[in-house]
């Protein structure tokens, strides 16, 4: 009987310890959410042009390139064909989320996408909430996120195909 009580006491103690460790690791993970290299990218849910929701955290397990852009931005227009080439080469290995910050001008965005022959996912940040959360000051701005949701690189200008290939695989 004493052995059973001792065994149950140990079992309860270990269970409580593991529970505390899980809670602590979850809290540490939450503390590491941010927009700097090494942070976990803040989660968001935005709608695409068809009205379907896209959530960043559901893309875990794949690398993600998050690109903030606008139709009225000349550097963004210059970069779009390069992003399309990157998408065509790497679409099996990477997700691209092009976050448009035109403020809900869906018709302009849709027309732009068709004109540029863009096939990668475009989502709309109609109220600039994600744009603000990611502290985007200039566009285009691009975040490169690894399979675990951690930001591994950021880029604040027009990118070439070569730069995209380099930054998605290289941790700063």
C-alpha atoms as a PDB file:
ATOM      1  CA  UNK A   1       0.000   0.000   0.000  1.00  0.00           C
ATOM      2  CA  UNK A   2       2.820   2.402   0.872  1.00  0.00           C
ATOM      3  CA  UNK A   3       4.483   1.687  -2.469  1.00  0.00           C
ATOM      4  CA  UNK A   4       1.245   2.480  -4.298  1.00  0.00           C
ATOM      5  CA  UNK A   5       0.847   5.776  -2.427  1.00  0.00           C
ATOM      6  CA  UNK A   6       4.488   6.645  -3.116  1.00  0.00           C
ATOM      7  CA  UNK A   7       4.066   5.754  -6.793  1.00  0.00           C
ATOM      8  CA  UNK A   8       0.891   7.859  -7.103  1.00  0.00           C
ATOM      9  CA  UNK A   9       2.568  10.783  -5.319  1.00  0.00           C
ATOM     10  CA  UNK A  10       5.483  10.659  -7.746  1.00  0.00           C
ATOM     11  CA  UNK A  11       3.123  10.368 -10.699  1.00  0.00           C
ATOM     12  CA  UNK A  12       1.101  13.411  -9.575  1.00  0.00           C
ATOM     13  CA  UNK A  13       4.286  15.409  -8.947  1.00  0.00           C
ATOM     14  CA  UNK A  14       5.679  14.608 -12.382  1.00  0.00           C
ATOM     15  CA  UNK A  15       2.339  15.485 -14.010  1.00  0.00           C
ATOM     16  CA  UNK A  16       2.258  18.856 -12.227  1.00  0.00           C
ATOM     17  CA  UNK A  17       5.856  19.542 -13.189  1.00  0.00           C
ATOM     18  CA  UNK A  18       5.194  18.749 -16.862  1.00  0.00           C
ATOM     19  CA  UNK A  19       2.093  20.945 -16.796  1.00  0.00           C
ATOM     20  CA  UNK A  20       4.134  23.854 -15.394  1.00  0.00           C
ATOM     21  CA  UNK A  21       6.810  23.330 -18.060  1.00  0.00           C
ATOM     22  CA  UNK A  22       4.175  23.391 -20.813  1.00  0.00           C
ATOM     23  CA  UNK A  23       2.636  26.589 -19.451  1.00  0.00           C
ATOM     24  CA  UNK A  24       6.037  28.251 -19.162  1.00  0.00           C
ATOM     25  CA  UNK A  25       7.060  27.292 -22.704  1.00  0.00           C
ATOM     26  CA  UNK A  26       3.752  28.636 -24.027  1.00  0.00           C
ATOM     27  CA  UNK A  27       4.332  31.907 -22.190  1.00  0.00           C
ATOM     28  CA  UNK A  28       7.904  32.123 -23.526  1.00  0.00           C
ATOM     29  CA  UNK A  29       6.576  31.541 -27.023  1.00  0.00           C
ATOM     30  CA  UNK A  30       4.040  34.365 -26.604  1.00  0.00           C
ATOM     31  CA  UNK A  31       6.779  36.683 -25.325  1.00  0.00           C
ATOM     32  CA  UNK A  32       8.786  36.023 -28.489  1.00  0.00           C
ATOM     33  CA  UNK A  33       6.077  37.204 -30.896  1.00  0.00           C
ATOM     34  CA  UNK A  34       7.273  40.266 -32.774  1.00  0.00           C
ATOM     35  CA  UNK A  35       8.496  41.683 -36.048  1.00  0.00           C
ATOM     36  CA  UNK A  36      12.250  41.366 -35.628  1.00  0.00           C
ATOM     37  CA  UNK A  37      14.488  38.633 -36.966  1.00  0.00           C
ATOM     38  CA  UNK A  38      14.317  35.771 -34.464  1.00  0.00           C
ATOM     39  CA  UNK A  39      10.748  36.585 -33.365  1.00  0.00           C
ATOM     40  CA  UNK A  40       7.719  34.477 -34.111  1.00  0.00           C
ATOM     41  CA  UNK A  41       5.775  36.314 -36.819  1.00  0.00           C
ATOM     42  CA  UNK A  42       2.516  37.767 -35.470  1.00  0.00           C
ATOM     43  CA  UNK A  43      -0.436  35.727 -36.623  1.00  0.00           C
ATOM     44  CA  UNK A  44      -3.134  37.286 -38.779  1.00  0.00           C
ATOM     45  CA  UNK A  45      -6.132  36.335 -40.845  1.00  0.00           C
ATOM     46  CA  UNK A  46      -6.927  38.270 -44.024  1.00  0.00           C
ATOM     47  CA  UNK A  47      -9.236  37.691 -46.967  1.00  0.00           C
ATOM     48  CA  UNK A  48      -8.114  37.096 -50.514  1.00  0.00           C
ATOM     49  CA  UNK A  49      -9.815  38.636 -53.539  1.00  0.00           C
ATOM     50  CA  UNK A  50     -12.421  35.859 -53.573  1.00  0.00           C
ATOM     51  CA  UNK A  51     -13.328  36.446 -49.926  1.00  0.00           C
ATOM     52  CA  UNK A  52     -11.622  33.318 -48.566  1.00  0.00           C
ATOM     53  CA  UNK A  53      -9.740  33.689 -45.296  1.00  0.00           C
ATOM     54  CA  UNK A  54      -6.009  33.054 -45.156  1.00  0.00           C
ATOM     55  CA  UNK A  55      -4.359  32.619 -41.740  1.00  0.00           C
ATOM     56  CA  UNK A  56      -0.596  32.795 -41.340  1.00  0.00           C
ATOM     57  CA  UNK A  57      -0.389  30.217 -38.532  1.00  0.00           C
ATOM     58  CA  UNK A  58      -2.112  27.616 -40.722  1.00  0.00           C
ATOM     59  CA  UNK A  59       0.895  27.777 -43.047  1.00  0.00           C
ATOM     60  CA  UNK A  60       3.284  26.435 -40.385  1.00  0.00           C
ATOM     61  CA  UNK A  61       5.460  23.682 -41.741  1.00  0.00           C
ATOM     62  CA  UNK A  62       6.243  25.695 -44.882  1.00  0.00           C
ATOM     63  CA  UNK A  63       8.446  28.698 -45.442  1.00  0.00           C
ATOM     64  CA  UNK A  64       6.447  31.882 -46.006  1.00  0.00           C
ATOM     65  CA  UNK A  65       7.316  35.127 -47.748  1.00  0.00           C
ATOM     66  CA  UNK A  66       5.103  37.991 -46.548  1.00  0.00           C
ATOM     67  CA  UNK A  67       5.264  40.962 -48.903  1.00  0.00           C
ATOM     68  CA  UNK A  68       3.560  44.293 -48.125  1.00  0.00           C
ATOM     69  CA  UNK A  69       2.731  46.267 -51.277  1.00  0.00           C
ATOM     70  CA  UNK A  70       0.289  48.662 -52.977  1.00  0.00           C
ATOM     71  CA  UNK A  71      -0.907  49.123 -56.554  1.00  0.00           C
ATOM     72  CA  UNK A  72       0.166  52.790 -56.553  1.00  0.00           C
ATOM     73  CA  UNK A  73       3.757  51.959 -55.510  1.00  0.00           C
ATOM     74  CA  UNK A  74       6.256  52.028 -58.456  1.00  0.00           C
ATOM     75  CA  UNK A  75       8.864  49.849 -56.662  1.00  0.00           C
ATOM     76  CA  UNK A  76       6.112  47.327 -55.848  1.00  0.00           C
ATOM     77  CA  UNK A  77       5.074  47.181 -59.501  1.00  0.00           C
ATOM     78  CA  UNK A  78       8.720  46.633 -60.446  1.00  0.00           C
ATOM     79  CA  UNK A  79       9.057  43.780 -57.960  1.00  0.00           C
ATOM     80  CA  UNK A  80       5.869  41.865 -58.815  1.00  0.00           C
ATOM     81  CA  UNK A  81       7.240  40.037 -61.901  1.00  0.00           C
ATOM     82  CA  UNK A  82      10.236  38.870 -59.837  1.00  0.00           C
ATOM     83  CA  UNK A  83       7.943  37.578 -57.087  1.00  0.00           C
ATOM     84  CA  UNK A  84       5.919  35.736 -59.740  1.00  0.00           C
ATOM     85  CA  UNK A  85       9.100  34.083 -61.075  1.00  0.00           C
ATOM     86  CA  UNK A  86      10.084  33.134 -57.511  1.00  0.00           C
ATOM     87  CA  UNK A  87       6.623  31.680 -56.907  1.00  0.00           C
ATOM     88  CA  UNK A  88       6.746  29.634 -60.106  1.00  0.00           C
ATOM     89  CA  UNK A  89      10.146  28.192 -59.179  1.00  0.00           C
ATOM     90  CA  UNK A  90       9.486  27.574 -55.476  1.00  0.00           C
ATOM     91  CA  UNK A  91       5.735  27.092 -55.066  1.00  0.00           C
ATOM     92  CA  UNK A  92       6.194  23.524 -53.822  1.00  0.00           C
ATOM     93  CA  UNK A  93       8.491  24.724 -51.023  1.00  0.00           C
ATOM     94  CA  UNK A  94       7.173  28.141 -50.057  1.00  0.00           C
ATOM     95  CA  UNK A  95       3.983  30.103 -49.543  1.00  0.00           C
ATOM     96  CA  UNK A  96       3.772  33.702 -50.651  1.00  0.00           C
ATOM     97  CA  UNK A  97       1.364  36.125 -49.057  1.00  0.00           C
ATOM     98  CA  UNK A  98       1.307  39.443 -50.867  1.00  0.00           C
ATOM     99  CA  UNK A  99      -0.500  41.766 -48.466  1.00  0.00           C
ATOM    100  CA  UNK A 100      -2.072  44.655 -50.313  1.00  0.00           C
ATOM    101  CA  UNK A 101      -2.424  47.873 -48.322  1.00  0.00           C
ATOM    102  CA  UNK A 102      -4.534  49.895 -50.788  1.00  0.00           C
ATOM    103  CA  UNK A 103      -7.249  50.218 -48.136  1.00  0.00           C
ATOM    104  CA  UNK A 104      -9.909  48.023 -49.661  1.00  0.00           C
ATOM    105  CA  UNK A 105      -9.732  49.118 -53.304  1.00  0.00           C
ATOM    106  CA  UNK A 106     -10.577  45.573 -54.394  1.00  0.00           C
ATOM    107  CA  UNK A 107     -11.305  46.494 -58.018  1.00  0.00           C
ATOM    108  CA  UNK A 108      -7.918  48.218 -58.396  1.00  0.00           C
ATOM    109  CA  UNK A 109      -6.127  45.238 -56.876  1.00  0.00           C
ATOM    110  CA  UNK A 110      -8.024  42.719 -58.993  1.00  0.00           C
ATOM    111  CA  UNK A 111      -7.302  44.708 -62.169  1.00  0.00           C
ATOM    112  CA  UNK A 112      -3.620  45.021 -61.212  1.00  0.00           C
ATOM    113  CA  UNK A 113      -3.314  41.253 -60.554  1.00  0.00           C
ATOM    114  CA  UNK A 114      -4.828  40.412 -63.934  1.00  0.00           C
ATOM    115  CA  UNK A 115      -2.686  42.949 -65.790  1.00  0.00           C
ATOM    116  CA  UNK A 116       0.527  41.693 -64.131  1.00  0.00           C
ATOM    117  CA  UNK A 117      -0.514  38.014 -64.553  1.00  0.00           C
ATOM    118  CA  UNK A 118       0.029  37.318 -60.855  1.00  0.00           C
ATOM    119  CA  UNK A 119      -0.779  33.773 -59.699  1.00  0.00           C
ATOM    120  CA  UNK A 120       0.525  33.854 -56.119  1.00  0.00           C
ATOM    121  CA  UNK A 121      -1.879  34.571 -53.233  1.00  0.00           C
ATOM    122  CA  UNK A 122      -2.833  38.200 -52.653  1.00  0.00           C
ATOM    123  CA  UNK A 123      -4.648  39.150 -49.461  1.00  0.00           C
ATOM    124  CA  UNK A 124      -6.199  42.479 -48.498  1.00  0.00           C
ATOM    125  CA  UNK A 125      -5.316  44.452 -45.366  1.00  0.00           C
ATOM    126  CA  UNK A 126      -8.311  46.739 -45.763  1.00  0.00           C
ATOM    127  CA  UNK A 127      -8.014  48.387 -42.359  1.00  0.00           C
ATOM    128  CA  UNK A 128      -4.183  48.419 -42.180  1.00  0.00           C
ATOM    129  CA  UNK A 129      -4.221  46.308 -39.014  1.00  0.00           C
ATOM    130  CA  UNK A 130      -1.583  43.825 -40.178  1.00  0.00           C
ATOM    131  CA  UNK A 131       0.463  46.585 -41.779  1.00  0.00           C
ATOM    132  CA  UNK A 132       0.484  48.431 -38.432  1.00  0.00           C
ATOM    133  CA  UNK A 133       1.161  45.286 -36.402  1.00  0.00           C
ATOM    134  CA  UNK A 134       4.191  44.521 -38.580  1.00  0.00           C
ATOM    135  CA  UNK A 135       5.343  48.158 -38.270  1.00  0.00           C
ATOM    136  CA  UNK A 136       5.743  48.582 -42.017  1.00  0.00           C
ATOM    137  CA  UNK A 137       7.174  52.036 -42.745  1.00  0.00           C
ATOM    138  CA  UNK A 138       8.065  51.691 -46.445  1.00  0.00           C
ATOM    139  CA  UNK A 139       6.843  49.503 -49.235  1.00  0.00           C
ATOM    140  CA  UNK A 140       7.676  47.074 -50.488  1.00  0.00           C
ATOM    141  CA  UNK A 141       8.668  45.434 -47.226  1.00  0.00           C
ATOM    142  CA  UNK A 142       9.102  41.672 -47.080  1.00  0.00           C
ATOM    143  CA  UNK A 143       9.390  39.246 -44.166  1.00  0.00           C
ATOM    144  CA  UNK A 144      10.823  35.764 -44.626  1.00  0.00           C
ATOM    145  CA  UNK A 145       9.424  33.230 -42.163  1.00  0.00           C
ATOM    146  CA  UNK A 146      10.735  29.707 -41.582  1.00  0.00           C
ATOM    147  CA  UNK A 147       8.729  26.513 -41.143  1.00  0.00           C
ATOM    148  CA  UNK A 148       8.327  27.181 -37.407  1.00  0.00           C
ATOM    149  CA  UNK A 149       6.869  30.650 -37.903  1.00  0.00           C
ATOM    150  CA  UNK A 150      10.096  32.458 -36.985  1.00  0.00           C
ATOM    151  CA  UNK A 151      11.165  35.535 -38.951  1.00  0.00           C
ATOM    152  CA  UNK A 152      14.550  34.732 -40.483  1.00  0.00           C
ATOM    153  CA  UNK A 153      14.998  37.832 -42.671  1.00  0.00           C
ATOM    154  CA  UNK A 154      13.440  41.178 -43.588  1.00  0.00           C
ATOM    155  CA  UNK A 155      13.955  43.275 -46.695  1.00  0.00           C
ATOM    156  CA  UNK A 156      12.928  46.919 -47.190  1.00  0.00           C
ATOM    157  CA  UNK A 157      13.139  47.507 -50.925  1.00  0.00           C
ATOM    158  CA  UNK A 158      12.650  46.003 -54.361  1.00  0.00           C
ATOM    159  CA  UNK A 159      14.002  42.458 -54.537  1.00  0.00           C
ATOM    160  CA  UNK A 160      15.379  40.517 -57.437  1.00  0.00           C
ATOM    161  CA  UNK A 161      14.758  36.808 -57.871  1.00  0.00           C
ATOM    162  CA  UNK A 162      18.294  36.107 -56.625  1.00  0.00           C
ATOM    163  CA  UNK A 163      17.770  38.107 -53.436  1.00  0.00           C
ATOM    164  CA  UNK A 164      14.529  36.227 -52.700  1.00  0.00           C
ATOM    165  CA  UNK A 165      16.243  32.859 -53.143  1.00  0.00           C
ATOM    166  CA  UNK A 166      19.049  33.914 -50.851  1.00  0.00           C
ATOM    167  CA  UNK A 167      16.912  35.406 -48.083  1.00  0.00           C
ATOM    168  CA  UNK A 168      14.400  32.554 -47.807  1.00  0.00           C
ATOM    169  CA  UNK A 169      17.189  30.108 -46.973  1.00  0.00           C
ATOM    170  CA  UNK A 170      19.660  32.209 -45.015  1.00  0.00           C
ATOM    171  CA  UNK A 171      19.286  33.180 -41.396  1.00  0.00           C
ATOM    172  CA  UNK A 172      20.862  36.494 -40.523  1.00  0.00           C
END
